[in-house]
């Protein structure tokens, strides 16, 4: 007796779903994660005796600088300064081997032009790592 692989009705939808490839993919991902997780944990726990530098790298290269734009000037890391002093500070930051992240805080009452002046200065000194600090709606 010959076996027929044809469906009885050609317009009837095929309700069989082949999930073999999906199961293979799931097992492959599981194996990858099982192998890579211990390596990542080992890397984080690995102790290294680092050499000592002559000067502290944190003093030489700040990781971030907070600039607050006010109506009457700028506040850089808490110190109130004018625009010429701000230009000198930005020039110093541009000479560092690793430029810091500039966090800009603008007072709601500050004219937008002052913020644009700061952005022009940052562009002039090639300081492109910029972060605008805002607060969430209450």
C-alpha atoms as a PDB file:
ATOM      1  CA  UNK A   1       0.000   0.000   0.000  1.00  0.00           C
ATOM      2  CA  UNK A   2       1.547   3.307  -1.089  1.00  0.00           C
ATOM      3  CA  UNK A   3       1.538   6.222   1.283  1.00  0.00           C
ATOM      4  CA  UNK A   4       0.124   9.516   0.016  1.00  0.00           C
ATOM      5  CA  UNK A   5       1.648  12.732   1.354  1.00  0.00           C
ATOM      6  CA  UNK A   6      -0.898  14.991  -0.210  1.00  0.00           C
ATOM      7  CA  UNK A   7      -3.453  16.783   1.871  1.00  0.00           C
ATOM      8  CA  UNK A   8      -7.015  15.825   1.362  1.00  0.00           C
ATOM      9  CA  UNK A   9      -8.141  19.359   0.697  1.00  0.00           C
ATOM     10  CA  UNK A  10      -5.696  21.764  -0.920  1.00  0.00           C
ATOM     11  CA  UNK A  11      -7.403  24.880   0.496  1.00  0.00           C
ATOM     12  CA  UNK A  12      -7.241  23.667   4.088  1.00  0.00           C
ATOM     13  CA  UNK A  13      -4.610  25.578   6.137  1.00  0.00           C
ATOM     14  CA  UNK A  14      -1.589  23.673   7.422  1.00  0.00           C
ATOM     15  CA  UNK A  15      -1.769  23.735  11.224  1.00  0.00           C
ATOM     16  CA  UNK A  16       1.568  22.009  11.813  1.00  0.00           C
ATOM     17  CA  UNK A  17       4.371  24.235  13.121  1.00  0.00           C
ATOM     18  CA  UNK A  18       8.021  23.218  12.742  1.00  0.00           C
ATOM     19  CA  UNK A  19       9.913  24.479  15.812  1.00  0.00           C
ATOM     20  CA  UNK A  20      13.077  22.390  15.389  1.00  0.00           C
ATOM     21  CA  UNK A  21      15.173  25.346  14.198  1.00  0.00           C
ATOM     22  CA  UNK A  22      13.870  27.480  17.061  1.00  0.00           C
ATOM     23  CA  UNK A  23      14.807  24.834  19.641  1.00  0.00           C
ATOM     24  CA  UNK A  24      18.294  24.522  18.102  1.00  0.00           C
ATOM     25  CA  UNK A  25      18.769  28.275  18.327  1.00  0.00           C
ATOM     26  CA  UNK A  26      17.639  28.286  21.960  1.00  0.00           C
ATOM     27  CA  UNK A  27      20.088  25.542  22.904  1.00  0.00           C
ATOM     28  CA  UNK A  28      22.940  27.289  21.050  1.00  0.00           C
ATOM     29  CA  UNK A  29      22.277  30.540  22.943  1.00  0.00           C
ATOM     30  CA  UNK A  30      22.060  28.649  26.241  1.00  0.00           C
ATOM     31  CA  UNK A  31      25.451  27.048  25.624  1.00  0.00           C
ATOM     32  CA  UNK A  32      27.013  30.392  24.663  1.00  0.00           C
ATOM     33  CA  UNK A  33      25.736  32.048  27.849  1.00  0.00           C
ATOM     34  CA  UNK A  34      26.804  29.105  30.005  1.00  0.00           C
ATOM     35  CA  UNK A  35      30.349  29.328  28.642  1.00  0.00           C
ATOM     36  CA  UNK A  36      30.710  33.139  28.675  1.00  0.00           C
ATOM     37  CA  UNK A  37      29.218  33.894  32.123  1.00  0.00           C
ATOM     38  CA  UNK A  38      32.034  32.311  34.188  1.00  0.00           C
ATOM     39  CA  UNK A  39      34.609  34.130  32.048  1.00  0.00           C
ATOM     40  CA  UNK A  40      32.950  37.492  32.684  1.00  0.00           C
ATOM     41  CA  UNK A  41      32.732  36.827  36.434  1.00  0.00           C
ATOM     42  CA  UNK A  42      36.381  35.729  36.506  1.00  0.00           C
ATOM     43  CA  UNK A  43      37.443  38.937  34.753  1.00  0.00           C
ATOM     44  CA  UNK A  44      35.653  41.089  37.345  1.00  0.00           C
ATOM     45  CA  UNK A  45      37.211  39.252  40.302  1.00  0.00           C
ATOM     46  CA  UNK A  46      40.729  39.027  38.888  1.00  0.00           C
ATOM     47  CA  UNK A  47      43.116  40.923  41.176  1.00  0.00           C
ATOM     48  CA  UNK A  48      45.923  42.901  39.591  1.00  0.00           C
ATOM     49  CA  UNK A  49      48.719  44.714  41.381  1.00  0.00           C
ATOM     50  CA  UNK A  50      48.727  48.039  39.510  1.00  0.00           C
ATOM     51  CA  UNK A  51      51.890  50.172  39.284  1.00  0.00           C
ATOM     52  CA  UNK A  52      51.999  53.508  41.110  1.00  0.00           C
ATOM     53  CA  UNK A  53      52.097  56.739  39.128  1.00  0.00           C
ATOM     54  CA  UNK A  54      54.010  59.859  40.120  1.00  0.00           C
ATOM     55  CA  UNK A  55      50.915  62.054  40.052  1.00  0.00           C
ATOM     56  CA  UNK A  56      47.278  61.316  40.592  1.00  0.00           C
ATOM     57  CA  UNK A  57      45.428  60.884  37.302  1.00  0.00           C
ATOM     58  CA  UNK A  58      42.157  62.169  38.780  1.00  0.00           C
ATOM     59  CA  UNK A  59      43.644  65.603  39.456  1.00  0.00           C
ATOM     60  CA  UNK A  60      45.177  65.797  36.002  1.00  0.00           C
ATOM     61  CA  UNK A  61      42.122  64.607  34.086  1.00  0.00           C
ATOM     62  CA  UNK A  62      38.652  65.253  35.504  1.00  0.00           C
ATOM     63  CA  UNK A  63      36.063  62.743  34.343  1.00  0.00           C
ATOM     64  CA  UNK A  64      33.239  65.276  34.356  1.00  0.00           C
ATOM     65  CA  UNK A  65      32.804  69.013  34.713  1.00  0.00           C
ATOM     66  CA  UNK A  66      29.557  70.648  35.863  1.00  0.00           C
ATOM     67  CA  UNK A  67      28.773  73.964  34.188  1.00  0.00           C
ATOM     68  CA  UNK A  68      25.717  75.872  35.376  1.00  0.00           C
ATOM     69  CA  UNK A  69      24.536  78.687  33.103  1.00  0.00           C
ATOM     70  CA  UNK A  70      23.140  81.600  35.122  1.00  0.00           C
ATOM     71  CA  UNK A  71      21.825  85.049  34.194  1.00  0.00           C
ATOM     72  CA  UNK A  72      24.948  86.800  35.499  1.00  0.00           C
ATOM     73  CA  UNK A  73      27.679  84.286  34.608  1.00  0.00           C
ATOM     74  CA  UNK A  74      28.710  80.675  34.765  1.00  0.00           C
ATOM     75  CA  UNK A  75      29.339  78.329  37.638  1.00  0.00           C
ATOM     76  CA  UNK A  76      32.027  75.712  36.917  1.00  0.00           C
ATOM     77  CA  UNK A  77      32.155  72.974  39.558  1.00  0.00           C
ATOM     78  CA  UNK A  78      30.613  75.378  42.073  1.00  0.00           C
ATOM     79  CA  UNK A  79      32.848  78.412  41.353  1.00  0.00           C
ATOM     80  CA  UNK A  80      31.178  81.525  39.899  1.00  0.00           C
ATOM     81  CA  UNK A  81      33.172  82.809  36.909  1.00  0.00           C
ATOM     82  CA  UNK A  82      32.717  85.097  33.898  1.00  0.00           C
ATOM     83  CA  UNK A  83      32.983  84.280  30.208  1.00  0.00           C
ATOM     84  CA  UNK A  84      36.759  85.004  29.860  1.00  0.00           C
ATOM     85  CA  UNK A  85      37.558  82.679  32.780  1.00  0.00           C
ATOM     86  CA  UNK A  86      35.239  80.061  31.277  1.00  0.00           C
ATOM     87  CA  UNK A  87      37.178  80.226  27.998  1.00  0.00           C
ATOM     88  CA  UNK A  88      40.448  79.659  29.869  1.00  0.00           C
ATOM     89  CA  UNK A  89      38.965  76.660  31.719  1.00  0.00           C
ATOM     90  CA  UNK A  90      37.664  75.128  28.472  1.00  0.00           C
ATOM     91  CA  UNK A  91      41.037  75.700  26.795  1.00  0.00           C
ATOM     92  CA  UNK A  92      42.687  73.753  29.642  1.00  0.00           C
ATOM     93  CA  UNK A  93      40.196  70.910  29.285  1.00  0.00           C
ATOM     94  CA  UNK A  94      40.794  70.729  25.520  1.00  0.00           C
ATOM     95  CA  UNK A  95      44.538  70.133  26.062  1.00  0.00           C
ATOM     96  CA  UNK A  96      43.924  66.996  28.154  1.00  0.00           C
ATOM     97  CA  UNK A  97      44.506  63.650  26.478  1.00  0.00           C
ATOM     98  CA  UNK A  98      41.021  62.465  27.472  1.00  0.00           C
ATOM     99  CA  UNK A  99      38.374  65.186  27.319  1.00  0.00           C
ATOM    100  CA  UNK A 100      35.955  65.270  30.266  1.00  0.00           C
ATOM    101  CA  UNK A 101      32.184  64.980  30.006  1.00  0.00           C
ATOM    102  CA  UNK A 102      30.627  68.441  30.275  1.00  0.00           C
ATOM    103  CA  UNK A 103      27.360  68.447  32.266  1.00  0.00           C
ATOM    104  CA  UNK A 104      25.362  71.574  31.450  1.00  0.00           C
ATOM    105  CA  UNK A 105      22.717  72.858  33.818  1.00  0.00           C
ATOM    106  CA  UNK A 106      20.661  75.796  32.632  1.00  0.00           C
ATOM    107  CA  UNK A 107      18.497  77.826  34.979  1.00  0.00           C
ATOM    108  CA  UNK A 108      14.923  78.039  33.693  1.00  0.00           C
ATOM    109  CA  UNK A 109      15.163  81.847  33.757  1.00  0.00           C
ATOM    110  CA  UNK A 110      18.432  81.939  31.764  1.00  0.00           C
ATOM    111  CA  UNK A 111      18.202  83.366  28.231  1.00  0.00           C
ATOM    112  CA  UNK A 112      18.731  80.682  25.625  1.00  0.00           C
ATOM    113  CA  UNK A 113      21.453  82.750  23.949  1.00  0.00           C
ATOM    114  CA  UNK A 114      23.782  82.213  26.936  1.00  0.00           C
ATOM    115  CA  UNK A 115      23.471  78.455  26.531  1.00  0.00           C
ATOM    116  CA  UNK A 116      24.181  78.779  22.802  1.00  0.00           C
ATOM    117  CA  UNK A 117      27.289  80.883  23.584  1.00  0.00           C
ATOM    118  CA  UNK A 118      28.496  78.045  25.813  1.00  0.00           C
ATOM    119  CA  UNK A 119      27.772  75.490  23.080  1.00  0.00           C
ATOM    120  CA  UNK A 120      29.799  77.591  20.588  1.00  0.00           C
ATOM    121  CA  UNK A 121      32.723  77.662  23.028  1.00  0.00           C
ATOM    122  CA  UNK A 122      32.538  73.903  23.521  1.00  0.00           C
ATOM    123  CA  UNK A 123      32.527  73.388  19.757  1.00  0.00           C
ATOM    124  CA  UNK A 124      35.478  75.779  19.354  1.00  0.00           C
ATOM    125  CA  UNK A 125      37.575  73.791  21.853  1.00  0.00           C
ATOM    126  CA  UNK A 126      36.472  70.375  20.460  1.00  0.00           C
ATOM    127  CA  UNK A 127      34.743  69.309  23.668  1.00  0.00           C
ATOM    128  CA  UNK A 128      32.022  67.082  22.256  1.00  0.00           C
ATOM    129  CA  UNK A 129      31.056  64.965  25.262  1.00  0.00           C
ATOM    130  CA  UNK A 130      28.090  66.973  26.509  1.00  0.00           C
ATOM    131  CA  UNK A 131      25.313  66.037  28.916  1.00  0.00           C
ATOM    132  CA  UNK A 132      22.284  68.282  29.564  1.00  0.00           C
ATOM    133  CA  UNK A 133      21.006  67.911  33.126  1.00  0.00           C
ATOM    134  CA  UNK A 134      17.236  68.179  33.548  1.00  0.00           C
ATOM    135  CA  UNK A 135      14.745  67.177  36.170  1.00  0.00           C
ATOM    136  CA  UNK A 136      11.742  64.940  35.757  1.00  0.00           C
ATOM    137  CA  UNK A 137       8.205  66.300  35.634  1.00  0.00           C
ATOM    138  CA  UNK A 138       6.527  66.173  38.979  1.00  0.00           C
END
